[in-house]
Amino acid sequence: MRDDVKRSWRIRRRVIIATLVYSALGVGYLIIFGEDLRLHEAIANGLILLAGSVVGSYVFGAAWDDMNADKDSRSRGYEE
């Protein structure tokens, strides 16, 4: 894998991990300190959906990137 691709995935992983930590801390805070309000329920649902969509996008993006890398290496006539 090329160095620029590795670097971009390293940055993506940092953003993904930061988003998941933010979501987990937000939901955890609402579980421990939040009152039973519809607003808190909506916020928790949004944070859970955010975390789920980030994980789904990460998996889909990695698969898409791998597929494109395979096509690129075959078009150049070599395997990495």
C-alpha atoms as a PDB file:
ATOM      1  CA  MET A   1       0.000   0.000   0.000  1.00  0.00           C
ATOM      2  CA  ARG A   2       1.293   3.433  -0.869  1.00  0.00           C
ATOM      3  CA  ASP A   3       2.417   5.780   1.887  1.00  0.00           C
ATOM      4  CA  ASP A   4      -0.120   8.488   1.015  1.00  0.00           C
ATOM      5  CA  VAL A   5      -2.944   5.942   1.259  1.00  0.00           C
ATOM      6  CA  LYS A   6      -1.643   4.711   4.613  1.00  0.00           C
ATOM      7  CA  ARG A   7      -1.437   8.296   5.855  1.00  0.00           C
ATOM      8  CA  SER A   8      -4.991   9.104   4.760  1.00  0.00           C
ATOM      9  CA  TRP A   9      -6.338   5.991   6.493  1.00  0.00           C
ATOM     10  CA  ARG A  10      -4.418   6.889   9.642  1.00  0.00           C
ATOM     11  CA  ILE A  11      -6.147  10.280   9.694  1.00  0.00           C
ATOM     12  CA  ARG A  12      -9.528   8.680   8.960  1.00  0.00           C
ATOM     13  CA  ARG A  13      -9.084   6.230  11.827  1.00  0.00           C
ATOM     14  CA  ARG A  14      -8.325   9.089  14.220  1.00  0.00           C
ATOM     15  CA  VAL A  15     -11.483  10.930  13.181  1.00  0.00           C
ATOM     16  CA  ILE A  16     -13.537   7.735  13.481  1.00  0.00           C
ATOM     17  CA  ILE A  17     -12.179   6.879  16.911  1.00  0.00           C
ATOM     18  CA  ALA A  18     -12.731  10.450  18.126  1.00  0.00           C
ATOM     19  CA  THR A  19     -16.330  10.367  16.884  1.00  0.00           C
ATOM     20  CA  LEU A  20     -17.011   7.020  18.553  1.00  0.00           C
ATOM     21  CA  VAL A  21     -15.494   8.214  21.833  1.00  0.00           C
ATOM     22  CA  TYR A  22     -17.571  11.405  21.664  1.00  0.00           C
ATOM     23  CA  SER A  23     -20.732   9.373  21.072  1.00  0.00           C
ATOM     24  CA  ALA A  24     -19.933   6.935  23.876  1.00  0.00           C
ATOM     25  CA  LEU A  25     -19.165   9.715  26.347  1.00  0.00           C
ATOM     26  CA  GLY A  26     -22.355  11.571  25.420  1.00  0.00           C
ATOM     27  CA  VAL A  27     -24.538   8.493  25.848  1.00  0.00           C
ATOM     28  CA  GLY A  28     -22.717   7.546  29.051  1.00  0.00           C
ATOM     29  CA  TYR A  29     -23.254  11.004  30.475  1.00  0.00           C
ATOM     30  CA  LEU A  30     -26.954  10.851  29.656  1.00  0.00           C
ATOM     31  CA  ILE A  31     -27.257   7.408  31.222  1.00  0.00           C
ATOM     32  CA  ILE A  32     -25.579   8.471  34.462  1.00  0.00           C
ATOM     33  CA  PHE A  33     -26.638  12.106  34.888  1.00  0.00           C
ATOM     34  CA  GLY A  34     -29.469  12.640  32.417  1.00  0.00           C
ATOM     35  CA  GLU A  35     -33.064  12.943  33.455  1.00  0.00           C
ATOM     36  CA  ASP A  36     -35.831  10.955  31.839  1.00  0.00           C
ATOM     37  CA  LEU A  37     -36.705  13.612  29.262  1.00  0.00           C
ATOM     38  CA  ARG A  38     -37.687  13.248  25.646  1.00  0.00           C
ATOM     39  CA  LEU A  39     -34.885  15.643  24.687  1.00  0.00           C
ATOM     40  CA  HIS A  40     -32.264  13.419  26.327  1.00  0.00           C
ATOM     41  CA  GLU A  41     -33.798  10.392  24.631  1.00  0.00           C
ATOM     42  CA  ALA A  42     -33.556  12.131  21.254  1.00  0.00           C
ATOM     43  CA  ILE A  43     -29.947  13.143  21.898  1.00  0.00           C
ATOM     44  CA  ALA A  44     -29.009   9.591  22.921  1.00  0.00           C
ATOM     45  CA  ASN A  45     -30.717   8.163  19.837  1.00  0.00           C
ATOM     46  CA  GLY A  46     -28.850  10.622  17.643  1.00  0.00           C
ATOM     47  CA  LEU A  47     -25.500   9.744  19.204  1.00  0.00           C
ATOM     48  CA  ILE A  48     -26.158   6.018  18.815  1.00  0.00           C
ATOM     49  CA  LEU A  49     -27.148   6.519  15.177  1.00  0.00           C
ATOM     50  CA  LEU A  50     -24.028   8.620  14.643  1.00  0.00           C
ATOM     51  CA  ALA A  51     -21.818   5.846  16.026  1.00  0.00           C
ATOM     52  CA  GLY A  52     -23.571   3.205  13.937  1.00  0.00           C
ATOM     53  CA  SER A  53     -23.316   5.216  10.752  1.00  0.00           C
ATOM     54  CA  VAL A  54     -19.620   5.929  11.359  1.00  0.00           C
ATOM     55  CA  VAL A  55     -18.880   2.223  11.808  1.00  0.00           C
ATOM     56  CA  GLY A  56     -20.930   1.314   8.730  1.00  0.00           C
ATOM     57  CA  SER A  57     -19.245   3.985   6.635  1.00  0.00           C
ATOM     58  CA  TYR A  58     -15.811   2.909   7.822  1.00  0.00           C
ATOM     59  CA  VAL A  59     -16.409  -0.714   6.847  1.00  0.00           C
ATOM     60  CA  PHE A  60     -17.950   0.244   3.497  1.00  0.00           C
ATOM     61  CA  GLY A  61     -15.197   2.775   2.802  1.00  0.00           C
ATOM     62  CA  ALA A  62     -12.451   0.271   3.565  1.00  0.00           C
ATOM     63  CA  ALA A  63     -14.020  -2.313   1.278  1.00  0.00           C
ATOM     64  CA  TRP A  64     -14.457   0.275  -1.474  1.00  0.00           C
ATOM     65  CA  ASP A  65     -10.856   1.471  -1.105  1.00  0.00           C
ATOM     66  CA  ASP A  66      -9.513  -2.093  -1.212  1.00  0.00           C
ATOM     67  CA  MET A  67     -11.562  -2.838  -4.330  1.00  0.00           C
ATOM     68  CA  ASN A  68     -10.216   0.275  -6.081  1.00  0.00           C
ATOM     69  CA  ALA A  69      -6.652  -0.529  -5.030  1.00  0.00           C
ATOM     70  CA  ASP A  70      -7.005  -4.023  -6.508  1.00  0.00           C
ATOM     71  CA  LYS A  71      -8.316  -2.596  -9.785  1.00  0.00           C
ATOM     72  CA  ASP A  72      -5.500  -0.055  -9.887  1.00  0.00           C
ATOM     73  CA  SER A  73      -2.786  -2.649  -9.298  1.00  0.00           C
ATOM     74  CA  ARG A  74      -4.242  -4.958 -11.981  1.00  0.00           C
ATOM     75  CA  SER A  75      -4.429  -2.120 -14.508  1.00  0.00           C
ATOM     76  CA  ARG A  76      -0.775  -1.367 -13.900  1.00  0.00           C
ATOM     77  CA  GLY A  77       0.113  -5.016 -14.391  1.00  0.00           C
ATOM     78  CA  TYR A  78       1.512  -5.911 -10.993  1.00  0.00           C
ATOM     79  CA  GLU A  79       0.405  -7.154  -7.604  1.00  0.00           C
ATOM     80  CA  GLU A  80       1.520  -5.489  -4.404  1.00  0.00           C
END
